[in-house]
Amino acid sequence: MRIRLRGSLAHFQPDLHPAHGPQVWPWWRLVSLGLVRLDVAKPSMAWRLWVYTRWGAGYGDFVLDRRKLVAA
């Protein structure tokens, strides 16, 4: 079993800002989180945590790789 972590802050760039969320938020709300299950081959599992802000968005992936490793 292996655990892999990866992420991206690319959506903080001006040309990649999300077109949803912050435009309709109340003035006091600065951050929102969204947890999404990713579709990966069984028996592995993966989730993505999105972090939306008024200034952009980023995400982090958590992948639990439960495939059997075969020694060659």
PDB file of N, CA and C in Angstrom:
ATOM      1  N   MET A   1       0.859  -1.176   0.000  1.00  0.00           N
ATOM      2  CA  MET A   1       0.000   0.000   0.000  1.00  0.00           C
ATOM      3  C   MET A   1       0.903   1.236   0.000  1.00  0.00           C
ATOM      4  N   ARG A   2       0.570   2.195  -0.845  1.00  0.00           N
ATOM      5  CA  ARG A   2       1.316   3.442  -0.919  1.00  0.00           C
ATOM      6  C   ARG A   2       0.346   4.615  -0.805  1.00  0.00           C
ATOM      7  N   ILE A   3       0.823   5.680  -0.204  1.00  0.00           N
ATOM      8  CA  ILE A   3       0.055   6.920  -0.116  1.00  0.00           C
ATOM      9  C   ILE A   3       0.787   7.959  -0.950  1.00  0.00           C
ATOM     10  N   ARG A   4       0.056   8.611  -1.849  1.00  0.00           N
ATOM     11  CA  ARG A   4       0.643   9.657  -2.679  1.00  0.00           C
ATOM     12  C   ARG A   4      -0.112  10.962  -2.454  1.00  0.00           C
ATOM     13  N   LEU A   5       0.626  12.030  -2.311  1.00  0.00           N
ATOM     14  CA  LEU A   5       0.050  13.367  -2.150  1.00  0.00           C
ATOM     15  C   LEU A   5       0.529  14.241  -3.295  1.00  0.00           C
ATOM     16  N   ARG A   6      -0.364  15.034  -3.832  1.00  0.00           N
ATOM     17  CA  ARG A   6      -0.001  16.008  -4.864  1.00  0.00           C
ATOM     18  C   ARG A   6      -1.001  17.139  -4.817  1.00  0.00           C
ATOM     19  N   GLY A   7      -0.667  18.231  -5.455  1.00  0.00           N
ATOM     20  CA  GLY A   7      -1.564  19.377  -5.408  1.00  0.00           C
ATOM     21  C   GLY A   7      -1.194  20.404  -6.448  1.00  0.00           C
ATOM     22  N   SER A   8      -1.981  21.467  -6.501  1.00  0.00           N
ATOM     23  CA  SER A   8      -1.752  22.530  -7.465  1.00  0.00           C
ATOM     24  C   SER A   8      -2.282  23.858  -6.923  1.00  0.00           C
ATOM     25  N   LEU A   9      -1.542  24.891  -7.177  1.00  0.00           N
ATOM     26  CA  LEU A   9      -1.975  26.257  -6.866  1.00  0.00           C
ATOM     27  C   LEU A   9      -2.151  27.065  -8.153  1.00  0.00           C
ATOM     28  N   ALA A  10      -2.207  26.386  -9.290  1.00  0.00           N
ATOM     29  CA  ALA A  10      -2.277  27.045 -10.592  1.00  0.00           C
ATOM     30  C   ALA A  10      -3.512  27.927 -10.741  1.00  0.00           C
ATOM     31  N   HIS A  11      -4.599  27.593 -10.044  1.00  0.00           N
ATOM     32  CA  HIS A  11      -5.833  28.359 -10.202  1.00  0.00           C
ATOM     33  C   HIS A  11      -5.795  29.706  -9.480  1.00  0.00           C
ATOM     34  N   PHE A  12      -4.657  30.074  -8.926  1.00  0.00           N
ATOM     35  CA  PHE A  12      -4.477  31.423  -8.398  1.00  0.00           C
ATOM     36  C   PHE A  12      -3.970  32.372  -9.484  1.00  0.00           C
ATOM     37  N   GLN A  13      -3.577  31.828 -10.645  1.00  0.00           N
ATOM     38  CA  GLN A  13      -3.144  32.656 -11.768  1.00  0.00           C
ATOM     39  C   GLN A  13      -4.350  33.411 -12.329  1.00  0.00           C
ATOM     40  N   PRO A  14      -4.153  34.656 -12.784  1.00  0.00           N
ATOM     41  CA  PRO A  14      -5.288  35.472 -13.254  1.00  0.00           C
ATOM     42  C   PRO A  14      -6.106  34.825 -14.379  1.00  0.00           C
ATOM     43  N   ASP A  15      -5.479  34.059 -15.270  1.00  0.00           N
ATOM     44  CA  ASP A  15      -6.216  33.473 -16.386  1.00  0.00           C
ATOM     45  C   ASP A  15      -6.904  32.153 -16.031  1.00  0.00           C
ATOM     46  N   LEU A  16      -6.697  31.620 -14.831  1.00  0.00           N
ATOM     47  CA  LEU A  16      -7.310  30.354 -14.432  1.00  0.00           C
ATOM     48  C   LEU A  16      -8.236  30.479 -13.220  1.00  0.00           C
ATOM     49  N   HIS A  17      -8.606  31.698 -12.833  1.00  0.00           N
ATOM     50  CA  HIS A  17      -9.511  31.863 -11.687  1.00  0.00           C
ATOM     51  C   HIS A  17     -10.812  31.128 -11.944  1.00  0.00           C
ATOM     52  N   PRO A  18     -11.382  30.478 -10.935  1.00  0.00           N
ATOM     53  CA  PRO A  18     -12.672  29.816 -11.131  1.00  0.00           C
ATOM     54  C   PRO A  18     -13.766  30.833 -11.439  1.00  0.00           C
ATOM     55  N   ALA A  19     -14.707  30.435 -12.276  1.00  0.00           N
ATOM     56  CA  ALA A  19     -15.800  31.321 -12.681  1.00  0.00           C
ATOM     57  C   ALA A  19     -17.040  31.108 -11.814  1.00  0.00           C
ATOM     58  N   HIS A  20     -16.879  30.504 -10.639  1.00  0.00           N
ATOM     59  CA  HIS A  20     -18.010  30.259  -9.746  1.00  0.00           C
ATOM     60  C   HIS A  20     -17.555  30.474  -8.309  1.00  0.00           C
ATOM     61  N   GLY A  21     -18.498  30.626  -7.449  1.00  0.00           N
ATOM     62  CA  GLY A  21     -18.193  30.724  -6.015  1.00  0.00           C
ATOM     63  C   GLY A  21     -17.987  32.133  -5.501  1.00  0.00           C
ATOM     64  N   PRO A  22     -16.774  32.669  -5.566  1.00  0.00           N
ATOM     65  CA  PRO A  22     -16.487  33.936  -4.887  1.00  0.00           C
ATOM     66  C   PRO A  22     -17.337  35.117  -5.343  1.00  0.00           C
ATOM     67  N   GLN A  23     -17.849  35.086  -6.560  1.00  0.00           N
ATOM     68  CA  GLN A  23     -18.639  36.218  -7.053  1.00  0.00           C
ATOM     69  C   GLN A  23     -19.961  36.367  -6.296  1.00  0.00           C
ATOM     70  N   VAL A  24     -20.461  35.298  -5.707  1.00  0.00           N
ATOM     71  CA  VAL A  24     -21.752  35.360  -5.018  1.00  0.00           C
ATOM     72  C   VAL A  24     -21.622  35.188  -3.506  1.00  0.00           C
ATOM     73  N   TRP A  25     -20.418  35.133  -2.997  1.00  0.00           N
ATOM     74  CA  TRP A  25     -20.222  34.968  -1.558  1.00  0.00           C
ATOM     75  C   TRP A  25     -20.529  36.246  -0.804  1.00  0.00           C
ATOM     76  N   PRO A  26     -20.962  36.123   0.453  1.00  0.00           N
ATOM     77  CA  PRO A  26     -21.094  37.299   1.310  1.00  0.00           C
ATOM     78  C   PRO A  26     -19.723  37.937   1.543  1.00  0.00           C
ATOM     79  N   TRP A  27     -19.709  39.176   1.931  1.00  0.00           N
ATOM     80  CA  TRP A  27     -18.450  39.909   2.084  1.00  0.00           C
ATOM     81  C   TRP A  27     -17.525  39.297   3.126  1.00  0.00           C
ATOM     82  N   TRP A  28     -18.071  38.596   4.126  1.00  0.00           N
ATOM     83  CA  TRP A  28     -17.263  38.070   5.214  1.00  0.00           C
ATOM     84  C   TRP A  28     -16.662  36.701   4.930  1.00  0.00           C
ATOM     85  N   ARG A  29     -17.120  36.050   3.881  1.00  0.00           N
ATOM     86  CA  ARG A  29     -16.635  34.691   3.597  1.00  0.00           C
ATOM     87  C   ARG A  29     -15.375  34.752   2.735  1.00  0.00           C
ATOM     88  N   LEU A  30     -14.282  34.221   3.250  1.00  0.00           N
ATOM     89  CA  LEU A  30     -13.007  34.289   2.545  1.00  0.00           C
ATOM     90  C   LEU A  30     -12.574  32.962   1.939  1.00  0.00           C
ATOM     91  N   VAL A  31     -12.976  31.838   2.549  1.00  0.00           N
ATOM     92  CA  VAL A  31     -12.507  30.521   2.121  1.00  0.00           C
ATOM     93  C   VAL A  31     -13.660  29.526   2.119  1.00  0.00           C
ATOM     94  N   SER A  32     -13.656  28.629   1.140  1.00  0.00           N
ATOM     95  CA  SER A  32     -14.614  27.535   1.097  1.00  0.00           C
ATOM     96  C   SER A  32     -13.862  26.258   0.721  1.00  0.00           C
ATOM     97  N   LEU A  33     -14.290  25.133   1.270  1.00  0.00           N
ATOM     98  CA  LEU A  33     -13.650  23.851   0.996  1.00  0.00           C
ATOM     99  C   LEU A  33     -14.629  22.930   0.291  1.00  0.00           C
ATOM    100  N   GLY A  34     -14.108  22.101  -0.582  1.00  0.00           N
ATOM    101  CA  GLY A  34     -14.920  21.089  -1.252  1.00  0.00           C
ATOM    102  C   GLY A  34     -14.143  19.792  -1.360  1.00  0.00           C
ATOM    103  N   LEU A  35     -14.734  18.692  -0.906  1.00  0.00           N
ATOM    104  CA  LEU A  35     -14.095  17.388  -0.953  1.00  0.00           C
ATOM    105  C   LEU A  35     -14.764  16.562  -2.041  1.00  0.00           C
ATOM    106  N   VAL A  36     -13.953  16.040  -2.976  1.00  0.00           N
ATOM    107  CA  VAL A  36     -14.465  15.292  -4.121  1.00  0.00           C
ATOM    108  C   VAL A  36     -13.753  13.947  -4.180  1.00  0.00           C
ATOM    109  N   ARG A  37     -14.511  12.882  -4.367  1.00  0.00           N
ATOM    110  CA  ARG A  37     -13.891  11.565  -4.542  1.00  0.00           C
ATOM    111  C   ARG A  37     -13.521  11.398  -6.010  1.00  0.00           C
ATOM    112  N   LEU A  38     -12.274  11.024  -6.268  1.00  0.00           N
ATOM    113  CA  LEU A  38     -11.790  10.845  -7.633  1.00  0.00           C
ATOM    114  C   LEU A  38     -12.024   9.407  -8.086  1.00  0.00           C
ATOM    115  N   ASP A  39     -12.241   9.235  -9.388  1.00  0.00           N
ATOM    116  CA  ASP A  39     -12.492   7.920  -9.961  1.00  0.00           C
ATOM    117  C   ASP A  39     -11.153   7.289 -10.348  1.00  0.00           C
ATOM    118  N   VAL A  40     -10.715   6.313  -9.577  1.00  0.00           N
ATOM    119  CA  VAL A  40      -9.479   5.586  -9.853  1.00  0.00           C
ATOM    120  C   VAL A  40      -9.790   4.091  -9.870  1.00  0.00           C
ATOM    121  N   ALA A  41      -8.872   3.305 -10.431  1.00  0.00           N
ATOM    122  CA  ALA A  41      -9.074   1.862 -10.543  1.00  0.00           C
ATOM    123  C   ALA A  41      -9.140   1.222  -9.163  1.00  0.00           C
ATOM    124  N   LYS A  42     -10.060   0.320  -8.987  1.00  0.00           N
ATOM    125  CA  LYS A  42     -10.191  -0.405  -7.725  1.00  0.00           C
ATOM    126  C   LYS A  42      -8.993  -1.312  -7.564  1.00  0.00           C
ATOM    127  N   PRO A  43      -8.487  -1.593  -6.411  1.00  0.00           N
ATOM    128  CA  PRO A  43      -9.000  -1.307  -5.083  1.00  0.00           C
ATOM    129  C   PRO A  43      -8.492   0.014  -4.511  1.00  0.00           C
ATOM    130  N   SER A  44      -7.851   0.844  -5.329  1.00  0.00           N
ATOM    131  CA  SER A  44      -7.319   2.120  -4.843  1.00  0.00           C
ATOM    132  C   SER A  44      -8.435   3.122  -4.609  1.00  0.00           C
ATOM    133  N   MET A  45      -8.130   4.165  -3.825  1.00  0.00           N
ATOM    134  CA  MET A  45      -9.090   5.235  -3.548  1.00  0.00           C
ATOM    135  C   MET A  45      -8.357   6.566  -3.634  1.00  0.00           C
ATOM    136  N   ALA A  46      -9.094   7.617  -3.998  1.00  0.00           N
ATOM    137  CA  ALA A  46      -8.473   8.939  -4.096  1.00  0.00           C
ATOM    138  C   ALA A  46      -9.510  10.018  -3.821  1.00  0.00           C
ATOM    139  N   TRP A  47      -9.057  11.085  -3.181  1.00  0.00           N
ATOM    140  CA  TRP A  47      -9.899  12.246  -2.887  1.00  0.00           C
ATOM    141  C   TRP A  47      -9.148  13.509  -3.255  1.00  0.00           C
ATOM    142  N   ARG A  48      -9.899  14.554  -3.614  1.00  0.00           N
ATOM    143  CA  ARG A  48      -9.331  15.874  -3.912  1.00  0.00           C
ATOM    144  C   ARG A  48     -10.015  16.888  -3.009  1.00  0.00           C
ATOM    145  N   LEU A  49      -9.203  17.669  -2.318  1.00  0.00           N
ATOM    146  CA  LEU A  49      -9.712  18.744  -1.474  1.00  0.00           C
ATOM    147  C   LEU A  49      -9.461  20.065  -2.195  1.00  0.00           C
ATOM    148  N   TRP A  50     -10.544  20.709  -2.621  1.00  0.00           N
ATOM    149  CA  TRP A  50     -10.461  22.021  -3.259  1.00  0.00           C
ATOM    150  C   TRP A  50     -10.550  23.094  -2.187  1.00  0.00           C
ATOM    151  N   VAL A  51      -9.742  24.132  -2.333  1.00  0.00           N
ATOM    152  CA  VAL A  51      -9.774  25.288  -1.448  1.00  0.00           C
ATOM    153  C   VAL A  51     -10.046  26.503  -2.328  1.00  0.00           C
ATOM    154  N   TYR A  52     -11.249  27.053  -2.197  1.00  0.00           N
ATOM    155  CA  TYR A  52     -11.648  28.227  -2.968  1.00  0.00           C
ATOM    156  C   TYR A  52     -11.495  29.473  -2.103  1.00  0.00           C
ATOM    157  N   THR A  53     -10.913  30.519  -2.658  1.00  0.00           N
ATOM    158  CA  THR A  53     -10.794  31.795  -1.967  1.00  0.00           C
ATOM    159  C   THR A  53     -11.254  32.895  -2.915  1.00  0.00           C
ATOM    160  N   ARG A  54     -11.308  34.097  -2.398  1.00  0.00           N
ATOM    161  CA  ARG A  54     -11.648  35.244  -3.251  1.00  0.00           C
ATOM    162  C   ARG A  54     -10.552  35.528  -4.273  1.00  0.00           C
ATOM    163  N   TRP A  55      -9.367  34.997  -4.049  1.00  0.00           N
ATOM    164  CA  TRP A  55      -8.213  35.308  -4.889  1.00  0.00           C
ATOM    165  C   TRP A  55      -7.842  34.188  -5.833  1.00  0.00           C
ATOM    166  N   GLY A  56      -8.539  33.066  -5.778  1.00  0.00           N
ATOM    167  CA  GLY A  56      -8.242  31.938  -6.645  1.00  0.00           C
ATOM    168  C   GLY A  56      -8.593  30.630  -5.955  1.00  0.00           C
ATOM    169  N   ALA A  57      -8.046  29.543  -6.474  1.00  0.00           N
ATOM    170  CA  ALA A  57      -8.342  28.226  -5.923  1.00  0.00           C
ATOM    171  C   ALA A  57      -7.119  27.329  -6.035  1.00  0.00           C
ATOM    172  N   GLY A  58      -7.092  26.318  -5.200  1.00  0.00           N
ATOM    173  CA  GLY A  58      -6.039  25.314  -5.237  1.00  0.00           C
ATOM    174  C   GLY A  58      -6.608  23.993  -4.767  1.00  0.00           C
ATOM    175  N   TYR A  59      -5.865  22.933  -5.019  1.00  0.00           N
ATOM    176  CA  TYR A  59      -6.345  21.635  -4.566  1.00  0.00           C
ATOM    177  C   TYR A  59      -5.183  20.762  -4.113  1.00  0.00           C
ATOM    178  N   GLY A  60      -5.530  19.771  -3.316  1.00  0.00           N
ATOM    179  CA  GLY A  60      -4.593  18.751  -2.886  1.00  0.00           C
ATOM    180  C   GLY A  60      -5.231  17.391  -3.075  1.00  0.00           C
ATOM    181  N   ASP A  61      -4.458  16.445  -3.623  1.00  0.00           N
ATOM    182  CA  ASP A  61      -4.958  15.092  -3.835  1.00  0.00           C
ATOM    183  C   ASP A  61      -4.358  14.151  -2.808  1.00  0.00           C
ATOM    184  N   PHE A  62      -5.159  13.214  -2.354  1.00  0.00           N
ATOM    185  CA  PHE A  62      -4.737  12.143  -1.473  1.00  0.00           C
ATOM    186  C   PHE A  62      -5.098  10.843  -2.175  1.00  0.00           C
ATOM    187  N   VAL A  63      -4.087  10.057  -2.545  1.00  0.00           N
ATOM    188  CA  VAL A  63      -4.317   8.804  -3.263  1.00  0.00           C
ATOM    189  C   VAL A  63      -3.821   7.653  -2.408  1.00  0.00           C
ATOM    190  N   LEU A  64      -4.692   6.700  -2.145  1.00  0.00           N
ATOM    191  CA  LEU A  64      -4.354   5.497  -1.403  1.00  0.00           C
ATOM    192  C   LEU A  64      -4.281   4.363  -2.424  1.00  0.00           C
ATOM    193  N   ASP A  65      -3.056   3.990  -2.796  1.00  0.00           N
ATOM    194  CA  ASP A  65      -2.822   2.968  -3.822  1.00  0.00           C
ATOM    195  C   ASP A  65      -2.733   1.610  -3.133  1.00  0.00           C
ATOM    196  N   ARG A  66      -3.772   0.790  -3.304  1.00  0.00           N
ATOM    197  CA  ARG A  66      -3.832  -0.497  -2.620  1.00  0.00           C
ATOM    198  C   ARG A  66      -3.598  -1.675  -3.571  1.00  0.00           C
ATOM    199  N   ARG A  67      -3.015  -1.388  -4.745  1.00  0.00           N
ATOM    200  CA  ARG A  67      -2.716  -2.483  -5.672  1.00  0.00           C
ATOM    201  C   ARG A  67      -1.587  -3.339  -5.123  1.00  0.00           C
ATOM    202  N   LYS A  68      -1.588  -4.610  -5.472  1.00  0.00           N
ATOM    203  CA  LYS A  68      -0.513  -5.525  -5.074  1.00  0.00           C
ATOM    204  C   LYS A  68       0.697  -5.235  -5.957  1.00  0.00           C
ATOM    205  N   LEU A  69       1.845  -5.044  -5.340  1.00  0.00           N
ATOM    206  CA  LEU A  69       3.077  -4.814  -6.075  1.00  0.00           C
ATOM    207  C   LEU A  69       3.739  -6.153  -6.348  1.00  0.00           C
ATOM    208  N   VAL A  70       4.035  -6.406  -7.608  1.00  0.00           N
ATOM    209  CA  VAL A  70       4.643  -7.672  -8.016  1.00  0.00           C
ATOM    210  C   VAL A  70       6.112  -7.431  -8.310  1.00  0.00           C
ATOM    211  N   ALA A  71       6.976  -8.190  -7.646  1.00  0.00           N
ATOM    212  CA  ALA A  71       8.416  -8.068  -7.882  1.00  0.00           C
ATOM    213  C   ALA A  71       8.769  -8.764  -9.190  1.00  0.00           C
ATOM    214  N   ALA A  72       9.532  -8.068 -10.030  1.00  0.00           N
ATOM    215  CA  ALA A  72       9.897  -8.651 -11.338  1.00  0.00           C
ATOM    216  C   ALA A  72      11.193  -9.404 -11.277  1.00  0.00           C
TER     217      ALA A  72
END
